[in-house]
Amino acid sequence: MNDVDNGEQGTPPDPGEVIDKLRDLVSVNHLNQDVAAMHIRAMALLGRLKALHRAANTATRVRKDATTDARNEMDQSHLGLQNLLYEKRHLEREIEKCRQFASIYQDVPLYGLDDFQRLAPEEARTEDVLTAPHQLMLNRLSFELAERQRLDLQRKELLQRKEEMLKESKIKATTMDSVKSQIDMLIKVRAFPLLRSTISSLRPRVVCGRHKEKD
């Protein structure tokens, strides 16, 4: 039964021992033995040989199935490897494209590194940030954006203050013009009676002077 068990485990049984016994059974050494006993023994050996044959077939199928599974697994592994290689080449091309890509931030005028270290918030210029070029660039861009927003807000406030001052200046100029006009009018109004009074006071003297000349 050990040979049959080995066949079920995938190892083909060896029928050589049974075949040798069958050959020995038909040899001249057993010519004088009981035919019935010989027949029984021969049937037992043939049954054993058939069992070994079935076990061999089973072992062959097991080996064939194992080979098929191994081949499929190998094909899947090979396919997976090809996919990984394709993905690797794709990523390498994308990385190269990114390296050659001219981003707009390269043309943006930024605060110099010294100014950034002097003006930026402390958490944006730590030692870890300064030693990481990518994070350093991100922090410099963020600081540049914050500064431009602050300066733009300051510019708008100054423009608004300028507009207000211009309005105030126009109002004051209008007021001054109005006051000047009123002053001029007052001067004219008050100067007219004075002029009449002066003319009236001078008129008799002129008349008297003319009488004296006639005398």
N, C-alpha and C. Protein backbone atom coordinates (compact mmCIF):
# COMPACT_ATOMS: atom_id res chain seq x y z
N MET A 1 0.81 -1.20 0.00
CA MET A 1 0.00 0.00 0.00
C MET A 1 0.85 1.25 0.00
N ASN A 2 2.14 1.10 0.43
CA ASN A 2 2.98 2.29 0.46
C ASN A 2 3.15 2.87 -0.93
N ASP A 3 3.28 1.98 -1.96
CA ASP A 3 3.45 2.47 -3.32
C ASP A 3 2.22 3.23 -3.78
N VAL A 4 1.02 2.72 -3.39
CA VAL A 4 -0.21 3.40 -3.78
C VAL A 4 -0.31 4.74 -3.09
N ASP A 5 0.07 4.80 -1.80
CA ASP A 5 0.03 6.07 -1.06
C ASP A 5 0.98 7.07 -1.69
N ASN A 6 2.16 6.60 -2.09
CA ASN A 6 3.10 7.50 -2.74
C ASN A 6 2.52 8.04 -4.04
N GLY A 7 1.75 7.18 -4.76
CA GLY A 7 1.13 7.63 -6.00
C GLY A 7 0.11 8.70 -5.75
N GLU A 8 -0.67 8.56 -4.66
CA GLU A 8 -1.65 9.58 -4.35
C GLU A 8 -0.99 10.89 -3.97
N GLN A 9 0.29 10.83 -3.44
CA GLN A 9 1.00 12.04 -3.07
C GLN A 9 1.73 12.66 -4.25
N GLY A 10 1.70 12.01 -5.42
CA GLY A 10 2.30 12.59 -6.61
C GLY A 10 3.57 11.89 -7.04
N THR A 11 4.02 10.88 -6.29
CA THR A 11 5.23 10.15 -6.68
C THR A 11 4.82 8.86 -7.37
N PRO A 12 5.16 8.66 -8.64
CA PRO A 12 4.74 7.44 -9.36
C PRO A 12 5.31 6.18 -8.69
N PRO A 13 4.45 5.15 -8.43
CA PRO A 13 4.95 3.92 -7.78
C PRO A 13 5.83 3.12 -8.73
N ASP A 14 6.68 2.27 -8.15
CA ASP A 14 7.60 1.46 -8.95
C ASP A 14 7.02 0.03 -9.08
N PRO A 15 6.60 -0.37 -10.29
CA PRO A 15 6.00 -1.71 -10.47
C PRO A 15 7.04 -2.81 -10.71
N GLY A 16 8.27 -2.48 -10.60
CA GLY A 16 9.32 -3.44 -10.93
C GLY A 16 9.27 -4.70 -10.09
N GLU A 17 8.99 -4.54 -8.77
CA GLU A 17 8.96 -5.70 -7.88
C GLU A 17 7.83 -6.65 -8.27
N VAL A 18 6.64 -6.10 -8.59
CA VAL A 18 5.49 -6.94 -8.97
C VAL A 18 5.79 -7.66 -10.29
N ILE A 19 6.39 -6.97 -11.23
CA ILE A 19 6.70 -7.57 -12.52
C ILE A 19 7.72 -8.70 -12.33
N ASP A 20 8.69 -8.51 -11.48
CA ASP A 20 9.68 -9.55 -11.22
C ASP A 20 9.02 -10.79 -10.61
N LYS A 21 8.05 -10.56 -9.73
CA LYS A 21 7.36 -11.69 -9.12
C LYS A 21 6.51 -12.44 -10.15
N LEU A 22 5.89 -11.70 -11.08
CA LEU A 22 5.12 -12.35 -12.14
C LEU A 22 6.04 -13.16 -13.04
N ARG A 23 7.17 -12.65 -13.38
CA ARG A 23 8.13 -13.39 -14.21
C ARG A 23 8.60 -14.66 -13.48
N ASP A 24 8.81 -14.49 -12.19
CA ASP A 24 9.26 -15.65 -11.42
C ASP A 24 8.17 -16.72 -11.35
N LEU A 25 6.89 -16.24 -11.34
CA LEU A 25 5.77 -17.17 -11.23
C LEU A 25 5.64 -18.04 -12.48
N VAL A 26 6.01 -17.53 -13.65
CA VAL A 26 5.87 -18.30 -14.89
C VAL A 26 7.20 -18.97 -15.26
N SER A 27 8.17 -18.90 -14.41
CA SER A 27 9.46 -19.52 -14.72
C SER A 27 9.38 -21.03 -14.46
N VAL A 28 10.42 -21.71 -14.83
CA VAL A 28 10.48 -23.17 -14.68
C VAL A 28 10.55 -23.58 -13.23
N ASN A 29 10.82 -22.66 -12.34
CA ASN A 29 10.93 -22.98 -10.92
C ASN A 29 9.59 -23.35 -10.31
N HIS A 30 8.48 -22.95 -10.96
CA HIS A 30 7.17 -23.21 -10.39
C HIS A 30 6.33 -24.15 -11.26
N LEU A 31 6.95 -24.97 -12.08
CA LEU A 31 6.20 -25.87 -12.95
C LEU A 31 5.49 -26.98 -12.16
N ASN A 32 6.05 -27.39 -11.09
CA ASN A 32 5.49 -28.49 -10.32
C ASN A 32 4.56 -28.03 -9.19
N GLN A 33 4.31 -26.74 -9.07
CA GLN A 33 3.44 -26.25 -7.99
C GLN A 33 1.97 -26.35 -8.40
N ASP A 34 1.09 -26.17 -7.35
CA ASP A 34 -0.35 -26.30 -7.54
C ASP A 34 -0.82 -25.18 -8.47
N VAL A 35 -1.60 -25.56 -9.50
CA VAL A 35 -2.05 -24.59 -10.51
C VAL A 35 -3.03 -23.61 -9.89
N ALA A 36 -3.92 -24.08 -9.04
CA ALA A 36 -4.91 -23.18 -8.41
C ALA A 36 -4.21 -22.15 -7.55
N ALA A 37 -3.23 -22.61 -6.79
CA ALA A 37 -2.48 -21.67 -5.93
C ALA A 37 -1.72 -20.67 -6.79
N MET A 38 -1.15 -21.15 -7.87
CA MET A 38 -0.42 -20.27 -8.77
C MET A 38 -1.37 -19.24 -9.39
N HIS A 39 -2.60 -19.71 -9.74
CA HIS A 39 -3.57 -18.81 -10.34
C HIS A 39 -3.98 -17.73 -9.34
N ILE A 40 -4.21 -18.11 -8.11
CA ILE A 40 -4.59 -17.13 -7.07
C ILE A 40 -3.48 -16.10 -6.87
N ARG A 41 -2.25 -16.61 -6.82
CA ARG A 41 -1.12 -15.70 -6.61
C ARG A 41 -0.95 -14.76 -7.82
N ALA A 42 -1.17 -15.31 -9.00
CA ALA A 42 -1.04 -14.50 -10.20
C ALA A 42 -2.11 -13.41 -10.24
N MET A 43 -3.36 -13.77 -9.83
CA MET A 43 -4.42 -12.77 -9.82
C MET A 43 -4.13 -11.67 -8.80
N ALA A 44 -3.56 -12.07 -7.68
CA ALA A 44 -3.20 -11.07 -6.67
C ALA A 44 -2.13 -10.13 -7.20
N LEU A 45 -1.14 -10.69 -7.88
CA LEU A 45 -0.08 -9.84 -8.43
C LEU A 45 -0.62 -8.94 -9.53
N LEU A 46 -1.54 -9.48 -10.37
CA LEU A 46 -2.14 -8.65 -11.41
C LEU A 46 -2.98 -7.52 -10.80
N GLY A 47 -3.73 -7.87 -9.71
CA GLY A 47 -4.49 -6.82 -9.02
C GLY A 47 -3.56 -5.74 -8.47
N ARG A 48 -2.44 -6.23 -7.93
CA ARG A 48 -1.45 -5.26 -7.40
C ARG A 48 -0.88 -4.40 -8.52
N LEU A 49 -0.64 -4.99 -9.67
CA LEU A 49 -0.09 -4.27 -10.82
C LEU A 49 -1.10 -3.23 -11.33
N LYS A 50 -2.42 -3.63 -11.35
CA LYS A 50 -3.43 -2.66 -11.77
C LYS A 50 -3.51 -1.47 -10.79
N ALA A 51 -3.41 -1.82 -9.50
CA ALA A 51 -3.44 -0.74 -8.50
C ALA A 51 -2.25 0.20 -8.69
N LEU A 52 -1.09 -0.39 -8.98
CA LEU A 52 0.09 0.45 -9.22
C LEU A 52 -0.09 1.30 -10.48
N HIS A 53 -0.75 0.73 -11.48
CA HIS A 53 -1.00 1.47 -12.70
C HIS A 53 -1.93 2.67 -12.44
N ARG A 54 -3.01 2.41 -11.64
CA ARG A 54 -3.90 3.52 -11.30
C ARG A 54 -3.16 4.59 -10.49
N ALA A 55 -2.32 4.11 -9.57
CA ALA A 55 -1.55 5.06 -8.77
C ALA A 55 -0.60 5.88 -9.64
N ALA A 56 -0.01 5.21 -10.65
CA ALA A 56 0.89 5.92 -11.56
C ALA A 56 0.13 6.98 -12.36
N ASN A 57 -1.08 6.60 -12.80
CA ASN A 57 -1.91 7.57 -13.54
C ASN A 57 -2.26 8.78 -12.65
N THR A 58 -2.62 8.44 -11.39
CA THR A 58 -2.96 9.53 -10.45
C THR A 58 -1.76 10.43 -10.21
N ALA A 59 -0.60 9.81 -10.02
CA ALA A 59 0.62 10.59 -9.79
C ALA A 59 0.96 11.46 -11.00
N THR A 60 0.71 10.88 -12.19
CA THR A 60 0.98 11.65 -13.41
C THR A 60 0.07 12.87 -13.50
N ARG A 61 -1.25 12.62 -13.18
CA ARG A 61 -2.18 13.76 -13.20
C ARG A 61 -1.78 14.82 -12.18
N VAL A 62 -1.37 14.36 -10.98
CA VAL A 62 -0.96 15.32 -9.93
C VAL A 62 0.24 16.12 -10.40
N ARG A 63 1.23 15.42 -10.96
CA ARG A 63 2.41 16.13 -11.47
C ARG A 63 2.03 17.09 -12.60
N LYS A 64 1.12 16.62 -13.49
CA LYS A 64 0.71 17.48 -14.60
C LYS A 64 -0.02 18.72 -14.08
N ASP A 65 -0.92 18.51 -13.09
CA ASP A 65 -1.64 19.65 -12.52
C ASP A 65 -0.67 20.60 -11.81
N ALA A 66 0.28 20.02 -11.09
CA ALA A 66 1.26 20.87 -10.40
C ALA A 66 2.09 21.66 -11.40
N THR A 67 2.46 20.98 -12.52
CA THR A 67 3.23 21.66 -13.55
C THR A 67 2.42 22.78 -14.18
N THR A 68 1.12 22.49 -14.44
CA THR A 68 0.25 23.52 -15.01
C THR A 68 0.11 24.71 -14.07
N ASP A 69 -0.09 24.40 -12.78
CA ASP A 69 -0.21 25.49 -11.79
C ASP A 69 1.08 26.32 -11.72
N ALA A 70 2.21 25.60 -11.74
CA ALA A 70 3.49 26.31 -11.69
C ALA A 70 3.69 27.18 -12.93
N ARG A 71 3.29 26.63 -14.10
CA ARG A 71 3.42 27.40 -15.34
C ARG A 71 2.52 28.63 -15.31
N ASN A 72 1.27 28.44 -14.83
CA ASN A 72 0.37 29.59 -14.74
C ASN A 72 0.91 30.64 -13.77
N GLU A 73 1.42 30.15 -12.65
CA GLU A 73 1.99 31.09 -11.67
C GLU A 73 3.18 31.83 -12.25
N MET A 74 4.00 31.10 -13.00
CA MET A 74 5.16 31.73 -13.63
C MET A 74 4.71 32.76 -14.68
N ASP A 75 3.67 32.38 -15.45
CA ASP A 75 3.16 33.33 -16.45
C ASP A 75 2.61 34.58 -15.78
N GLN A 76 1.88 34.39 -14.67
CA GLN A 76 1.35 35.54 -13.95
C GLN A 76 2.48 36.41 -13.39
N SER A 77 3.51 35.75 -12.86
CA SER A 77 4.65 36.50 -12.34
C SER A 77 5.36 37.27 -13.45
N HIS A 78 5.51 36.59 -14.60
CA HIS A 78 6.15 37.26 -15.74
C HIS A 78 5.31 38.44 -16.22
N LEU A 79 3.98 38.24 -16.28
CA LEU A 79 3.10 39.33 -16.68
C LEU A 79 3.16 40.49 -15.69
N GLY A 80 3.17 40.13 -14.38
CA GLY A 80 3.29 41.17 -13.37
C GLY A 80 4.59 41.93 -13.48
N LEU A 81 5.69 41.19 -13.78
CA LEU A 81 6.99 41.84 -13.96
C LEU A 81 6.97 42.77 -15.16
N GLN A 82 6.35 42.32 -16.26
CA GLN A 82 6.25 43.19 -17.44
C GLN A 82 5.44 44.45 -17.14
N ASN A 83 4.36 44.27 -16.37
CA ASN A 83 3.57 45.44 -16.00
C ASN A 83 4.37 46.41 -15.13
N LEU A 84 5.14 45.84 -14.21
CA LEU A 84 5.97 46.69 -13.35
C LEU A 84 7.03 47.42 -14.16
N LEU A 85 7.63 46.72 -15.12
CA LEU A 85 8.64 47.37 -15.96
C LEU A 85 8.01 48.48 -16.82
N TYR A 86 6.81 48.19 -17.33
CA TYR A 86 6.11 49.22 -18.12
C TYR A 86 5.79 50.43 -17.25
N GLU A 87 5.28 50.16 -16.03
CA GLU A 87 4.97 51.26 -15.11
C GLU A 87 6.23 52.02 -14.73
N LYS A 88 7.32 51.30 -14.56
CA LYS A 88 8.59 51.96 -14.24
C LYS A 88 9.02 52.91 -15.36
N ARG A 89 8.96 52.41 -16.60
CA ARG A 89 9.34 53.26 -17.74
C ARG A 89 8.42 54.47 -17.85
N HIS A 90 7.11 54.23 -17.61
CA HIS A 90 6.15 55.34 -17.67
C HIS A 90 6.47 56.39 -16.61
N LEU A 91 6.75 55.93 -15.39
CA LEU A 91 7.08 56.88 -14.32
C LEU A 91 8.38 57.62 -14.61
N GLU A 92 9.35 56.91 -15.18
CA GLU A 92 10.61 57.57 -15.52
C GLU A 92 10.40 58.66 -16.56
N ARG A 93 9.52 58.38 -17.56
CA ARG A 93 9.22 59.41 -18.56
C ARG A 93 8.50 60.60 -17.92
N GLU A 94 7.56 60.31 -17.02
CA GLU A 94 6.84 61.39 -16.36
C GLU A 94 7.77 62.23 -15.48
N ILE A 95 8.69 61.56 -14.80
CA ILE A 95 9.66 62.28 -13.96
C ILE A 95 10.53 63.18 -14.82
N GLU A 96 10.96 62.66 -15.97
CA GLU A 96 11.79 63.46 -16.87
C GLU A 96 11.01 64.66 -17.40
N LYS A 97 9.73 64.44 -17.72
CA LYS A 97 8.89 65.57 -18.16
C LYS A 97 8.78 66.63 -17.07
N CYS A 98 8.60 66.17 -15.84
CA CYS A 98 8.51 67.12 -14.73
C CYS A 98 9.80 67.88 -14.54
N ARG A 99 10.93 67.19 -14.72
CA ARG A 99 12.21 67.88 -14.57
C ARG A 99 12.43 68.92 -15.66
N GLN A 100 11.92 68.64 -16.86
CA GLN A 100 12.10 69.57 -17.97
C GLN A 100 11.00 70.63 -18.03
N PHE A 101 9.96 70.48 -17.20
CA PHE A 101 8.85 71.41 -17.24
C PHE A 101 9.27 72.76 -16.66
N ALA A 102 9.07 73.81 -17.43
CA ALA A 102 9.42 75.16 -16.97
C ALA A 102 8.23 75.75 -16.24
N SER A 103 8.24 75.66 -14.93
CA SER A 103 7.13 76.17 -14.14
C SER A 103 7.20 77.68 -14.01
N ILE A 104 6.05 78.28 -13.81
CA ILE A 104 5.99 79.73 -13.74
C ILE A 104 6.72 80.27 -12.51
N TYR A 105 6.82 79.42 -11.45
CA TYR A 105 7.46 79.92 -10.24
C TYR A 105 8.93 80.24 -10.46
N GLN A 106 9.52 79.65 -11.52
CA GLN A 106 10.92 79.92 -11.79
C GLN A 106 11.13 81.35 -12.27
N ASP A 107 10.07 81.98 -12.79
CA ASP A 107 10.18 83.35 -13.29
C ASP A 107 9.62 84.37 -12.31
N VAL A 108 9.10 83.89 -11.17
CA VAL A 108 8.53 84.83 -10.20
C VAL A 108 9.65 85.44 -9.37
N PRO A 109 9.76 86.77 -9.35
CA PRO A 109 10.78 87.39 -8.50
C PRO A 109 10.44 87.19 -7.02
N LEU A 110 11.34 86.59 -6.29
CA LEU A 110 11.10 86.29 -4.89
C LEU A 110 12.05 87.09 -4.00
N TYR A 111 11.69 87.18 -2.73
CA TYR A 111 12.63 87.71 -1.76
C TYR A 111 13.89 86.85 -1.78
N GLY A 112 15.03 87.48 -1.65
CA GLY A 112 16.27 86.72 -1.56
C GLY A 112 16.27 85.83 -0.33
N LEU A 113 17.14 84.82 -0.36
CA LEU A 113 17.17 83.87 0.76
C LEU A 113 17.51 84.57 2.07
N ASP A 114 18.41 85.55 2.01
CA ASP A 114 18.77 86.28 3.23
C ASP A 114 17.57 87.07 3.75
N ASP A 115 16.85 87.74 2.85
CA ASP A 115 15.66 88.49 3.26
C ASP A 115 14.58 87.55 3.80
N PHE A 116 14.45 86.39 3.15
CA PHE A 116 13.46 85.41 3.61
C PHE A 116 13.78 84.95 5.03
N GLN A 117 15.04 84.64 5.28
CA GLN A 117 15.43 84.21 6.62
C GLN A 117 15.28 85.32 7.65
N ARG A 118 15.34 86.55 7.21
CA ARG A 118 15.23 87.67 8.14
C ARG A 118 13.78 88.08 8.37
N LEU A 119 12.92 87.97 7.34
CA LEU A 119 11.57 88.51 7.43
C LEU A 119 10.49 87.46 7.63
N ALA A 120 10.72 86.24 7.16
CA ALA A 120 9.66 85.21 7.20
C ALA A 120 9.38 84.78 8.64
N PRO A 121 8.17 84.26 8.89
CA PRO A 121 7.88 83.72 10.23
C PRO A 121 8.85 82.60 10.59
N GLU A 122 9.08 82.46 11.88
CA GLU A 122 10.09 81.50 12.34
C GLU A 122 9.76 80.07 11.93
N GLU A 123 8.45 79.72 11.95
CA GLU A 123 8.07 78.34 11.61
C GLU A 123 8.28 78.04 10.13
N ALA A 124 8.44 79.08 9.30
CA ALA A 124 8.65 78.88 7.86
C ALA A 124 10.11 78.79 7.48
N ARG A 125 11.01 78.97 8.43
CA ARG A 125 12.45 78.97 8.13
C ARG A 125 13.25 78.19 9.17
N THR A 126 12.69 77.06 9.58
CA THR A 126 13.39 76.20 10.53
C THR A 126 14.57 75.50 9.83
N GLU A 127 15.40 74.85 10.63
CA GLU A 127 16.55 74.14 10.07
C GLU A 127 16.12 73.03 9.13
N ASP A 128 15.04 72.34 9.49
CA ASP A 128 14.55 71.26 8.63
C ASP A 128 14.09 71.81 7.28
N VAL A 129 13.46 72.97 7.29
CA VAL A 129 12.99 73.58 6.05
C VAL A 129 14.16 74.04 5.19
N LEU A 130 15.14 74.66 5.83
CA LEU A 130 16.28 75.20 5.08
C LEU A 130 17.12 74.12 4.43
N THR A 131 17.05 72.90 4.96
CA THR A 131 17.83 71.79 4.38
C THR A 131 17.00 70.96 3.40
N ALA A 132 15.72 71.33 3.19
CA ALA A 132 14.85 70.63 2.24
C ALA A 132 14.50 71.59 1.11
N PRO A 133 15.17 71.49 -0.05
CA PRO A 133 14.96 72.48 -1.14
C PRO A 133 13.51 72.61 -1.57
N HIS A 134 12.79 71.49 -1.68
CA HIS A 134 11.40 71.56 -2.15
C HIS A 134 10.52 72.31 -1.15
N GLN A 135 10.61 71.95 0.13
CA GLN A 135 9.81 72.62 1.14
C GLN A 135 10.22 74.07 1.30
N LEU A 136 11.52 74.34 1.15
CA LEU A 136 12.00 75.71 1.23
C LEU A 136 11.38 76.57 0.12
N MET A 137 11.33 76.03 -1.10
CA MET A 137 10.72 76.78 -2.20
C MET A 137 9.24 77.01 -1.96
N LEU A 138 8.53 76.00 -1.45
CA LEU A 138 7.11 76.17 -1.14
C LEU A 138 6.90 77.27 -0.09
N ASN A 139 7.74 77.27 0.94
CA ASN A 139 7.60 78.29 1.98
C ASN A 139 7.95 79.67 1.46
N ARG A 140 8.94 79.75 0.58
CA ARG A 140 9.29 81.06 0.00
C ARG A 140 8.15 81.59 -0.87
N LEU A 141 7.52 80.69 -1.64
CA LEU A 141 6.39 81.11 -2.46
C LEU A 141 5.22 81.55 -1.59
N SER A 142 4.96 80.82 -0.52
CA SER A 142 3.86 81.20 0.38
C SER A 142 4.14 82.55 1.03
N PHE A 143 5.39 82.75 1.44
CA PHE A 143 5.75 84.03 2.06
C PHE A 143 5.65 85.16 1.05
N GLU A 144 6.08 84.89 -0.19
CA GLU A 144 5.98 85.91 -1.24
C GLU A 144 4.52 86.29 -1.49
N LEU A 145 3.64 85.29 -1.53
CA LEU A 145 2.21 85.56 -1.73
C LEU A 145 1.65 86.39 -0.59
N ALA A 146 1.99 86.02 0.66
CA ALA A 146 1.48 86.76 1.81
C ALA A 146 1.98 88.20 1.79
N GLU A 147 3.25 88.40 1.42
CA GLU A 147 3.80 89.75 1.38
C GLU A 147 3.14 90.58 0.27
N ARG A 148 2.92 89.97 -0.87
CA ARG A 148 2.28 90.71 -1.97
C ARG A 148 0.85 91.07 -1.61
N GLN A 149 0.15 90.17 -0.94
CA GLN A 149 -1.21 90.48 -0.50
C GLN A 149 -1.20 91.61 0.52
N ARG A 150 -0.24 91.58 1.42
CA ARG A 150 -0.14 92.65 2.42
C ARG A 150 0.18 93.98 1.76
N LEU A 151 1.13 93.98 0.84
CA LEU A 151 1.50 95.22 0.16
C LEU A 151 0.36 95.73 -0.73
N ASP A 152 -0.35 94.80 -1.36
CA ASP A 152 -1.47 95.21 -2.20
C ASP A 152 -2.58 95.85 -1.35
N LEU A 153 -2.84 95.27 -0.18
CA LEU A 153 -3.82 95.86 0.73
C LEU A 153 -3.36 97.25 1.19
N GLN A 154 -2.07 97.37 1.49
CA GLN A 154 -1.53 98.67 1.89
C GLN A 154 -1.65 99.69 0.76
N ARG A 155 -1.39 99.22 -0.47
CA ARG A 155 -1.50 100.11 -1.63
C ARG A 155 -2.94 100.59 -1.79
N LYS A 156 -3.90 99.68 -1.64
CA LYS A 156 -5.30 100.06 -1.76
C LYS A 156 -5.70 101.05 -0.67
N GLU A 157 -5.21 100.84 0.54
CA GLU A 157 -5.51 101.77 1.62
C GLU A 157 -4.93 103.14 1.34
N LEU A 158 -3.70 103.18 0.80
CA LEU A 158 -3.09 104.46 0.47
C LEU A 158 -3.84 105.16 -0.67
N LEU A 159 -4.27 104.39 -1.66
CA LEU A 159 -5.06 104.98 -2.75
C LEU A 159 -6.37 105.54 -2.23
N GLN A 160 -7.00 104.80 -1.33
CA GLN A 160 -8.25 105.29 -0.76
C GLN A 160 -8.00 106.57 0.04
N ARG A 161 -6.91 106.59 0.81
CA ARG A 161 -6.57 107.80 1.57
C ARG A 161 -6.25 108.97 0.63
N LYS A 162 -5.58 108.67 -0.49
CA LYS A 162 -5.28 109.71 -1.47
C LYS A 162 -6.56 110.29 -2.05
N GLU A 163 -7.52 109.42 -2.40
CA GLU A 163 -8.79 109.89 -2.93
C GLU A 163 -9.52 110.77 -1.92
N GLU A 164 -9.50 110.32 -0.67
CA GLU A 164 -10.15 111.12 0.37
C GLU A 164 -9.49 112.48 0.52
N MET A 165 -8.15 112.51 0.48
CA MET A 165 -7.43 113.78 0.61
C MET A 165 -7.70 114.69 -0.59
N LEU A 166 -7.79 114.07 -1.79
CA LEU A 166 -8.12 114.88 -2.97
C LEU A 166 -9.51 115.48 -2.85
N LYS A 167 -10.47 114.69 -2.35
CA LYS A 167 -11.82 115.22 -2.16
C LYS A 167 -11.81 116.35 -1.14
N GLU A 168 -11.07 116.13 -0.04
CA GLU A 168 -10.99 117.18 0.98
C GLU A 168 -10.33 118.44 0.40
N SER A 169 -9.30 118.22 -0.40
CA SER A 169 -8.61 119.37 -1.01
C SER A 169 -9.54 120.14 -1.95
N LYS A 170 -10.32 119.40 -2.74
CA LYS A 170 -11.27 120.06 -3.64
C LYS A 170 -12.33 120.84 -2.85
N ILE A 171 -12.80 120.24 -1.77
CA ILE A 171 -13.81 120.92 -0.94
C ILE A 171 -13.21 122.19 -0.34
N LYS A 172 -11.97 122.10 0.15
CA LYS A 172 -11.33 123.27 0.74
C LYS A 172 -11.10 124.35 -0.32
N ALA A 173 -10.68 123.90 -1.54
CA ALA A 173 -10.45 124.88 -2.61
C ALA A 173 -11.75 125.57 -2.99
N THR A 174 -12.83 124.78 -3.06
CA THR A 174 -14.13 125.37 -3.36
C THR A 174 -14.55 126.36 -2.28
N THR A 175 -14.33 125.98 -1.03
CA THR A 175 -14.67 126.87 0.09
C THR A 175 -13.85 128.15 0.05
N MET A 176 -12.56 128.00 -0.25
CA MET A 176 -11.70 129.19 -0.33
C MET A 176 -12.14 130.11 -1.46
N ASP A 177 -12.48 129.52 -2.60
CA ASP A 177 -12.97 130.34 -3.72
C ASP A 177 -14.25 131.07 -3.34
N SER A 178 -15.14 130.37 -2.63
CA SER A 178 -16.39 130.99 -2.22
C SER A 178 -16.13 132.12 -1.24
N VAL A 179 -15.22 131.87 -0.27
CA VAL A 179 -14.90 132.91 0.71
C VAL A 179 -14.26 134.11 0.03
N LYS A 180 -13.35 133.84 -0.92
CA LYS A 180 -12.69 134.93 -1.65
C LYS A 180 -13.72 135.77 -2.41
N SER A 181 -14.68 135.05 -3.06
CA SER A 181 -15.71 135.79 -3.80
C SER A 181 -16.54 136.65 -2.86
N GLN A 182 -16.87 136.07 -1.71
CA GLN A 182 -17.65 136.84 -0.74
C GLN A 182 -16.86 138.04 -0.23
N ILE A 183 -15.57 137.84 0.02
CA ILE A 183 -14.73 138.96 0.49
C ILE A 183 -14.65 140.05 -0.57
N ASP A 184 -14.44 139.63 -1.83
CA ASP A 184 -14.39 140.62 -2.91
C ASP A 184 -15.70 141.40 -3.02
N MET A 185 -16.80 140.67 -2.88
CA MET A 185 -18.10 141.34 -2.96
C MET A 185 -18.29 142.31 -1.81
N LEU A 186 -17.89 141.90 -0.62
CA LEU A 186 -18.00 142.78 0.54
C LEU A 186 -17.14 144.03 0.37
N ILE A 187 -15.94 143.82 -0.15
CA ILE A 187 -15.05 144.96 -0.38
C ILE A 187 -15.69 145.94 -1.35
N LYS A 188 -16.28 145.40 -2.42
CA LYS A 188 -16.91 146.28 -3.41
C LYS A 188 -18.11 147.00 -2.81
N VAL A 189 -18.91 146.27 -2.04
CA VAL A 189 -20.11 146.87 -1.46
C VAL A 189 -19.75 147.98 -0.49
N ARG A 190 -18.75 147.76 0.34
CA ARG A 190 -18.37 148.77 1.33
C ARG A 190 -17.55 149.89 0.71
N ALA A 191 -16.84 149.58 -0.33
CA ALA A 191 -16.02 150.62 -0.97
C ALA A 191 -16.86 151.60 -1.76
N PHE A 192 -18.02 151.21 -2.25
CA PHE A 192 -18.84 152.10 -3.06
C PHE A 192 -19.37 153.30 -2.26
N PRO A 193 -19.96 153.12 -1.11
CA PRO A 193 -20.39 154.29 -0.31
C PRO A 193 -19.22 155.18 0.06
N LEU A 194 -18.10 154.56 0.39
CA LEU A 194 -16.93 155.36 0.75
C LEU A 194 -16.47 156.20 -0.41
N LEU A 195 -16.52 155.62 -1.59
CA LEU A 195 -16.12 156.37 -2.79
C LEU A 195 -17.08 157.55 -3.03
N ARG A 196 -18.36 157.32 -2.88
CA ARG A 196 -19.33 158.39 -3.06
C ARG A 196 -19.11 159.49 -2.04
N SER A 197 -18.84 159.09 -0.81
CA SER A 197 -18.59 160.10 0.23
C SER A 197 -17.36 160.91 -0.08
N THR A 198 -16.34 160.25 -0.59
CA THR A 198 -15.10 160.96 -0.91
C THR A 198 -15.33 161.93 -2.06
N ILE A 199 -16.06 161.49 -3.04
CA ILE A 199 -16.35 162.35 -4.20
C ILE A 199 -17.17 163.55 -3.76
N SER A 200 -18.12 163.31 -2.91
CA SER A 200 -18.98 164.40 -2.43
C SER A 200 -18.19 165.43 -1.63
N SER A 201 -17.25 164.95 -0.82
CA SER A 201 -16.46 165.88 -0.01
C SER A 201 -15.48 166.67 -0.85
N LEU A 202 -15.07 166.17 -1.96
CA LEU A 202 -14.12 166.87 -2.81
C LEU A 202 -14.79 167.85 -3.75
N ARG A 203 -16.03 167.67 -4.05
CA ARG A 203 -16.71 168.51 -5.04
C ARG A 203 -16.79 169.98 -4.62
N PRO A 204 -17.15 170.42 -3.44
CA PRO A 204 -17.21 171.85 -3.07
C PRO A 204 -15.85 172.54 -3.17
N ARG A 205 -14.82 171.87 -2.80
CA ARG A 205 -13.48 172.46 -2.88
C ARG A 205 -13.14 172.81 -4.31
N VAL A 206 -13.50 171.95 -5.16
CA VAL A 206 -13.22 172.20 -6.57
C VAL A 206 -13.99 173.44 -7.02
N VAL A 207 -15.25 173.57 -6.60
CA VAL A 207 -16.08 174.72 -6.98
C VAL A 207 -15.50 176.01 -6.41
N CYS A 208 -15.08 175.98 -5.17
CA CYS A 208 -14.49 177.15 -4.52
C CYS A 208 -13.22 177.57 -5.22
N GLY A 209 -12.45 176.67 -5.60
CA GLY A 209 -11.21 176.97 -6.30
C GLY A 209 -11.47 177.68 -7.59
N ARG A 210 -12.47 177.32 -8.27
CA ARG A 210 -12.81 177.96 -9.54
C ARG A 210 -13.29 179.39 -9.31
N HIS A 211 -14.02 179.68 -8.24
CA HIS A 211 -14.47 181.03 -7.94
C HIS A 211 -13.31 181.93 -7.63
N LYS A 212 -12.37 181.46 -6.92
CA LYS A 212 -11.20 182.26 -6.57
C LYS A 212 -10.42 182.63 -7.82
N GLU A 213 -10.29 181.80 -8.72
CA GLU A 213 -9.55 182.08 -9.95
C GLU A 213 -10.25 183.18 -10.73
N LYS A 214 -11.56 183.21 -10.73
CA LYS A 214 -12.28 184.25 -11.45
C LYS A 214 -12.07 185.59 -10.79
N ASP A 215 -12.03 185.73 -9.46
CA ASP A 215 -11.81 186.97 -8.78
C ASP A 215 -10.41 187.46 -9.05
